[in-house]
């Protein structure tokens, strides 16, 4: 499964990739082993993002140390070891409170989901054997379910996109360091 299977026509896309001098199995293990405590930029940006949620009385467990992939705000849709993991869910990310919990969706229902008032967010990590190592890439796609949500999310995206990109680069770097034995 890939992102085209779940969110083929996004409004927003970011993609980062890094070549790692390690086989896919080592990169896969490292990707699943990277913990939030190994990602200082991610922790700071996540703390800033979740501060309004915590102050409003919710989300106090969002930032405890755990594997990065377990801390994502969208659920796992598919995992194909050692090739890819795909996450996706409906969010109200632009709301200071973090919004309501989205409906539980499997990959098929996520693709078909059109209920107004949500953004559909999907993200993957893809491992591709290349030049004696592995290219690890991450792509994030977002699509709004209606015009008003798109206007709201567009403003939010302009604000958080640089941080989202920084988080992804930090994760790719941490995976490289862990997969090559330097972390």
C-alpha atoms as a PDB file:
ATOM      1  CA  UNK A   1       0.000   0.000   0.000  1.00  0.00           C
ATOM      2  CA  UNK A   2       1.191   3.522  -0.690  1.00  0.00           C
ATOM      3  CA  UNK A   3      -0.166   7.041  -0.287  1.00  0.00           C
ATOM      4  CA  UNK A   4      -1.800   6.983  -3.726  1.00  0.00           C
ATOM      5  CA  UNK A   5      -3.979   4.148  -2.423  1.00  0.00           C
ATOM      6  CA  UNK A   6      -5.360   6.254   0.443  1.00  0.00           C
ATOM      7  CA  UNK A   7      -4.990   9.944  -0.512  1.00  0.00           C
ATOM      8  CA  UNK A   8      -4.381  10.284  -4.261  1.00  0.00           C
ATOM      9  CA  UNK A   9      -5.246  13.988  -4.730  1.00  0.00           C
ATOM     10  CA  UNK A  10      -3.872  15.991  -1.784  1.00  0.00           C
ATOM     11  CA  UNK A  11      -3.920  19.769  -1.445  1.00  0.00           C
ATOM     12  CA  UNK A  12      -0.692  19.885   0.572  1.00  0.00           C
ATOM     13  CA  UNK A  13       2.380  17.675   0.198  1.00  0.00           C
ATOM     14  CA  UNK A  14       5.811  17.584   1.796  1.00  0.00           C
ATOM     15  CA  UNK A  15       8.460  14.986   1.022  1.00  0.00           C
ATOM     16  CA  UNK A  16      11.883  14.386   2.487  1.00  0.00           C
ATOM     17  CA  UNK A  17      14.365  11.637   1.646  1.00  0.00           C
ATOM     18  CA  UNK A  18      17.785  10.538   2.819  1.00  0.00           C
ATOM     19  CA  UNK A  19      20.165   7.840   1.640  1.00  0.00           C
ATOM     20  CA  UNK A  20      21.426   5.652   4.483  1.00  0.00           C
ATOM     21  CA  UNK A  21      24.472   3.381   4.277  1.00  0.00           C
ATOM     22  CA  UNK A  22      22.629   0.389   5.738  1.00  0.00           C
ATOM     23  CA  UNK A  23      20.384  -2.392   4.402  1.00  0.00           C
ATOM     24  CA  UNK A  24      16.594  -1.990   4.540  1.00  0.00           C
ATOM     25  CA  UNK A  25      16.255  -4.384   7.503  1.00  0.00           C
ATOM     26  CA  UNK A  26      18.597  -2.238   9.632  1.00  0.00           C
ATOM     27  CA  UNK A  27      16.830   0.972   8.570  1.00  0.00           C
ATOM     28  CA  UNK A  28      13.430  -0.604   9.310  1.00  0.00           C
ATOM     29  CA  UNK A  29      14.556  -1.602  12.816  1.00  0.00           C
ATOM     30  CA  UNK A  30      16.016   1.849  13.434  1.00  0.00           C
ATOM     31  CA  UNK A  31      12.854   3.594  12.216  1.00  0.00           C
ATOM     32  CA  UNK A  32      10.770   1.610  14.694  1.00  0.00           C
ATOM     33  CA  UNK A  33      13.288   2.098  17.522  1.00  0.00           C
ATOM     34  CA  UNK A  34      13.707   5.906  17.395  1.00  0.00           C
ATOM     35  CA  UNK A  35      12.199   7.370  20.556  1.00  0.00           C
ATOM     36  CA  UNK A  36      10.880  10.847  21.255  1.00  0.00           C
ATOM     37  CA  UNK A  37      13.718  11.401  23.755  1.00  0.00           C
ATOM     38  CA  UNK A  38      16.165  11.120  20.829  1.00  0.00           C
ATOM     39  CA  UNK A  39      14.383  13.914  18.940  1.00  0.00           C
ATOM     40  CA  UNK A  40      14.917  17.244  20.751  1.00  0.00           C
ATOM     41  CA  UNK A  41      13.493  19.431  17.961  1.00  0.00           C
ATOM     42  CA  UNK A  42      10.423  17.206  17.772  1.00  0.00           C
ATOM     43  CA  UNK A  43       9.936  17.395  21.549  1.00  0.00           C
ATOM     44  CA  UNK A  44      10.164  21.198  21.611  1.00  0.00           C
ATOM     45  CA  UNK A  45       7.829  21.667  18.635  1.00  0.00           C
ATOM     46  CA  UNK A  46       5.388  19.066  19.953  1.00  0.00           C
ATOM     47  CA  UNK A  47       5.385  20.670  23.394  1.00  0.00           C
ATOM     48  CA  UNK A  48       4.639  24.048  21.815  1.00  0.00           C
ATOM     49  CA  UNK A  49       1.838  22.533  19.734  1.00  0.00           C
ATOM     50  CA  UNK A  50       0.258  20.618  22.626  1.00  0.00           C
ATOM     51  CA  UNK A  51       0.602  23.366  25.253  1.00  0.00           C
ATOM     52  CA  UNK A  52      -2.920  24.733  24.570  1.00  0.00           C
ATOM     53  CA  UNK A  53      -4.284  21.173  24.729  1.00  0.00           C
ATOM     54  CA  UNK A  54      -2.574  20.491  28.073  1.00  0.00           C
ATOM     55  CA  UNK A  55      -3.645  23.865  29.495  1.00  0.00           C
ATOM     56  CA  UNK A  56      -7.239  23.101  28.560  1.00  0.00           C
ATOM     57  CA  UNK A  57      -7.054  19.895  30.608  1.00  0.00           C
ATOM     58  CA  UNK A  58      -6.465  17.291  27.926  1.00  0.00           C
ATOM     59  CA  UNK A  59      -3.605  15.498  26.240  1.00  0.00           C
ATOM     60  CA  UNK A  60      -1.298  15.322  29.258  1.00  0.00           C
ATOM     61  CA  UNK A  61       0.131  11.990  28.089  1.00  0.00           C
ATOM     62  CA  UNK A  62       0.958  13.122  24.563  1.00  0.00           C
ATOM     63  CA  UNK A  63       4.673  13.717  25.112  1.00  0.00           C
ATOM     64  CA  UNK A  64       5.879  10.900  27.366  1.00  0.00           C
ATOM     65  CA  UNK A  65       8.849   9.036  25.929  1.00  0.00           C
ATOM     66  CA  UNK A  66       7.837   6.369  23.465  1.00  0.00           C
ATOM     67  CA  UNK A  67       8.765   5.328  19.935  1.00  0.00           C
ATOM     68  CA  UNK A  68       8.215   8.168  17.454  1.00  0.00           C
ATOM     69  CA  UNK A  69       5.922   6.073  15.242  1.00  0.00           C
ATOM     70  CA  UNK A  70       3.686   5.318  18.255  1.00  0.00           C
ATOM     71  CA  UNK A  71       3.343   9.051  19.003  1.00  0.00           C
ATOM     72  CA  UNK A  72       1.932  10.060  15.617  1.00  0.00           C
ATOM     73  CA  UNK A  73      -1.491  11.727  15.797  1.00  0.00           C
ATOM     74  CA  UNK A  74      -2.872   9.512  13.029  1.00  0.00           C
ATOM     75  CA  UNK A  75      -3.259   5.728  13.164  1.00  0.00           C
ATOM     76  CA  UNK A  76      -1.329   3.098  11.274  1.00  0.00           C
ATOM     77  CA  UNK A  77      -3.144   1.990   8.125  1.00  0.00           C
ATOM     78  CA  UNK A  78      -0.605  -0.466   6.700  1.00  0.00           C
ATOM     79  CA  UNK A  79       2.819  -1.892   7.409  1.00  0.00           C
ATOM     80  CA  UNK A  80       4.855  -3.863   4.878  1.00  0.00           C
ATOM     81  CA  UNK A  81       8.170  -4.851   6.495  1.00  0.00           C
ATOM     82  CA  UNK A  82      10.823  -3.743   5.469  1.00  0.00           C
ATOM     83  CA  UNK A  83       9.334  -1.568   2.717  1.00  0.00           C
ATOM     84  CA  UNK A  84       6.803   0.909   4.097  1.00  0.00           C
ATOM     85  CA  UNK A  85       4.487   2.099   6.831  1.00  0.00           C
ATOM     86  CA  UNK A  86       1.433   4.200   6.006  1.00  0.00           C
ATOM     87  CA  UNK A  87      -0.541   6.260   8.510  1.00  0.00           C
ATOM     88  CA  UNK A  88      -3.779   8.153   7.961  1.00  0.00           C
ATOM     89  CA  UNK A  89      -6.667   9.741   9.770  1.00  0.00           C
ATOM     90  CA  UNK A  90      -9.179  12.553   9.978  1.00  0.00           C
ATOM     91  CA  UNK A  91      -8.060  15.544  12.053  1.00  0.00           C
ATOM     92  CA  UNK A  92      -9.092  18.977  13.232  1.00  0.00           C
ATOM     93  CA  UNK A  93      -5.448  19.980  13.624  1.00  0.00           C
ATOM     94  CA  UNK A  94      -5.995  23.718  13.148  1.00  0.00           C
ATOM     95  CA  UNK A  95      -7.987  23.928  16.408  1.00  0.00           C
ATOM     96  CA  UNK A  96      -5.956  25.036  19.447  1.00  0.00           C
ATOM     97  CA  UNK A  97      -7.534  22.254  21.489  1.00  0.00           C
ATOM     98  CA  UNK A  98      -6.418  19.686  18.920  1.00  0.00           C
ATOM     99  CA  UNK A  99     -10.035  19.147  17.923  1.00  0.00           C
ATOM    100  CA  UNK A 100     -12.227  16.125  18.376  1.00  0.00           C
ATOM    101  CA  UNK A 101     -10.909  12.620  17.942  1.00  0.00           C
ATOM    102  CA  UNK A 102     -11.502  11.632  14.370  1.00  0.00           C
ATOM    103  CA  UNK A 103     -13.506   8.603  13.393  1.00  0.00           C
ATOM    104  CA  UNK A 104     -11.708   5.265  13.344  1.00  0.00           C
ATOM    105  CA  UNK A 105     -11.026   4.477   9.709  1.00  0.00           C
ATOM    106  CA  UNK A 106      -9.313   1.614   7.949  1.00  0.00           C
ATOM    107  CA  UNK A 107      -7.488   2.308   4.680  1.00  0.00           C
ATOM    108  CA  UNK A 108     -10.551   1.854   2.473  1.00  0.00           C
ATOM    109  CA  UNK A 109     -12.890   3.951   4.593  1.00  0.00           C
ATOM    110  CA  UNK A 110     -10.180   6.617   4.966  1.00  0.00           C
ATOM    111  CA  UNK A 111      -9.931   6.933   1.182  1.00  0.00           C
ATOM    112  CA  UNK A 112     -13.733   7.248   0.868  1.00  0.00           C
ATOM    113  CA  UNK A 113     -14.179   9.550   3.888  1.00  0.00           C
ATOM    114  CA  UNK A 114     -15.845  12.851   2.899  1.00  0.00           C
ATOM    115  CA  UNK A 115     -17.612  14.052   6.062  1.00  0.00           C
ATOM    116  CA  UNK A 116     -17.461  17.853   6.177  1.00  0.00           C
ATOM    117  CA  UNK A 117     -15.378  19.561   8.858  1.00  0.00           C
ATOM    118  CA  UNK A 118     -12.203  17.471   8.711  1.00  0.00           C
ATOM    119  CA  UNK A 119      -8.843  17.263   7.032  1.00  0.00           C
ATOM    120  CA  UNK A 120      -7.590  13.893   5.917  1.00  0.00           C
ATOM    121  CA  UNK A 121      -3.889  13.518   6.719  1.00  0.00           C
ATOM    122  CA  UNK A 122      -1.719  10.670   5.502  1.00  0.00           C
ATOM    123  CA  UNK A 123       1.971  10.034   5.969  1.00  0.00           C
ATOM    124  CA  UNK A 124       4.350   7.300   5.019  1.00  0.00           C
ATOM    125  CA  UNK A 125       7.897   6.157   5.533  1.00  0.00           C
ATOM    126  CA  UNK A 126       9.196   4.245   2.524  1.00  0.00           C
ATOM    127  CA  UNK A 127      12.419   2.237   2.346  1.00  0.00           C
ATOM    128  CA  UNK A 128      13.958   1.648  -1.081  1.00  0.00           C
ATOM    129  CA  UNK A 129      17.177  -0.339  -1.634  1.00  0.00           C
ATOM    130  CA  UNK A 130      19.542   1.952  -3.504  1.00  0.00           C
ATOM    131  CA  UNK A 131      23.297   2.175  -4.248  1.00  0.00           C
ATOM    132  CA  UNK A 132      24.252  -0.435  -1.653  1.00  0.00           C
ATOM    133  CA  UNK A 133      22.155   1.187   1.061  1.00  0.00           C
ATOM    134  CA  UNK A 134      18.592   2.375   1.586  1.00  0.00           C
ATOM    135  CA  UNK A 135      16.733   5.511   0.646  1.00  0.00           C
ATOM    136  CA  UNK A 136      14.390   6.387   3.498  1.00  0.00           C
ATOM    137  CA  UNK A 137      11.696   8.829   2.460  1.00  0.00           C
ATOM    138  CA  UNK A 138       8.749  10.351   4.244  1.00  0.00           C
ATOM    139  CA  UNK A 139       5.819  12.041   2.577  1.00  0.00           C
ATOM    140  CA  UNK A 140       2.921  13.862   4.202  1.00  0.00           C
ATOM    141  CA  UNK A 141      -0.319  14.580   2.338  1.00  0.00           C
ATOM    142  CA  UNK A 142      -3.343  16.551   3.484  1.00  0.00           C
ATOM    143  CA  UNK A 143      -6.754  17.125   1.920  1.00  0.00           C
ATOM    144  CA  UNK A 144      -9.726  19.061   3.318  1.00  0.00           C
ATOM    145  CA  UNK A 145     -13.252  17.718   3.155  1.00  0.00           C
ATOM    146  CA  UNK A 146     -14.842  21.115   2.492  1.00  0.00           C
ATOM    147  CA  UNK A 147     -13.948  24.685   1.445  1.00  0.00           C
ATOM    148  CA  UNK A 148     -14.244  26.263   4.922  1.00  0.00           C
ATOM    149  CA  UNK A 149     -11.933  23.663   6.460  1.00  0.00           C
ATOM    150  CA  UNK A 150      -9.510  24.178   3.599  1.00  0.00           C
ATOM    151  CA  UNK A 151      -9.313  27.923   4.345  1.00  0.00           C
ATOM    152  CA  UNK A 152      -8.727  27.220   8.040  1.00  0.00           C
ATOM    153  CA  UNK A 153      -6.192  24.495   7.416  1.00  0.00           C
ATOM    154  CA  UNK A 154      -4.332  26.534   4.767  1.00  0.00           C
ATOM    155  CA  UNK A 155      -3.600  29.199   7.405  1.00  0.00           C
ATOM    156  CA  UNK A 156      -2.543  26.532   9.925  1.00  0.00           C
ATOM    157  CA  UNK A 157      -0.360  24.759   7.339  1.00  0.00           C
ATOM    158  CA  UNK A 158       1.551  27.957   6.506  1.00  0.00           C
ATOM    159  CA  UNK A 159       2.386  28.233  10.198  1.00  0.00           C
ATOM    160  CA  UNK A 160       3.319  24.623  10.994  1.00  0.00           C
ATOM    161  CA  UNK A 161       4.775  23.357   7.696  1.00  0.00           C
ATOM    162  CA  UNK A 162       8.358  24.451   8.507  1.00  0.00           C
ATOM    163  CA  UNK A 163       8.155  22.682  11.874  1.00  0.00           C
ATOM    164  CA  UNK A 164       6.627  19.585  10.328  1.00  0.00           C
ATOM    165  CA  UNK A 165       9.452  19.490   7.787  1.00  0.00           C
ATOM    166  CA  UNK A 166      12.067  19.989  10.535  1.00  0.00           C
ATOM    167  CA  UNK A 167      10.584  17.088  12.495  1.00  0.00           C
ATOM    168  CA  UNK A 168      10.737  14.810   9.473  1.00  0.00           C
ATOM    169  CA  UNK A 169      14.397  15.730   8.778  1.00  0.00           C
ATOM    170  CA  UNK A 170      15.247  15.110  12.419  1.00  0.00           C
ATOM    171  CA  UNK A 171      13.578  11.679  12.294  1.00  0.00           C
ATOM    172  CA  UNK A 172      15.411  10.733   9.084  1.00  0.00           C
ATOM    173  CA  UNK A 173      18.715  11.809  10.678  1.00  0.00           C
ATOM    174  CA  UNK A 174      18.034   9.855  13.880  1.00  0.00           C
ATOM    175  CA  UNK A 175      17.146   6.750  11.857  1.00  0.00           C
ATOM    176  CA  UNK A 176      20.385   7.103   9.872  1.00  0.00           C
ATOM    177  CA  UNK A 177      22.457   7.477  13.043  1.00  0.00           C
ATOM    178  CA  UNK A 178      20.755   4.501  14.695  1.00  0.00           C
ATOM    179  CA  UNK A 179      20.912   2.269  11.581  1.00  0.00           C
ATOM    180  CA  UNK A 180      24.636   2.971  11.123  1.00  0.00           C
ATOM    181  CA  UNK A 181      25.457   2.514  14.803  1.00  0.00           C
ATOM    182  CA  UNK A 182      26.204   6.162  15.567  1.00  0.00           C
ATOM    183  CA  UNK A 183      23.280   6.706  17.977  1.00  0.00           C
END
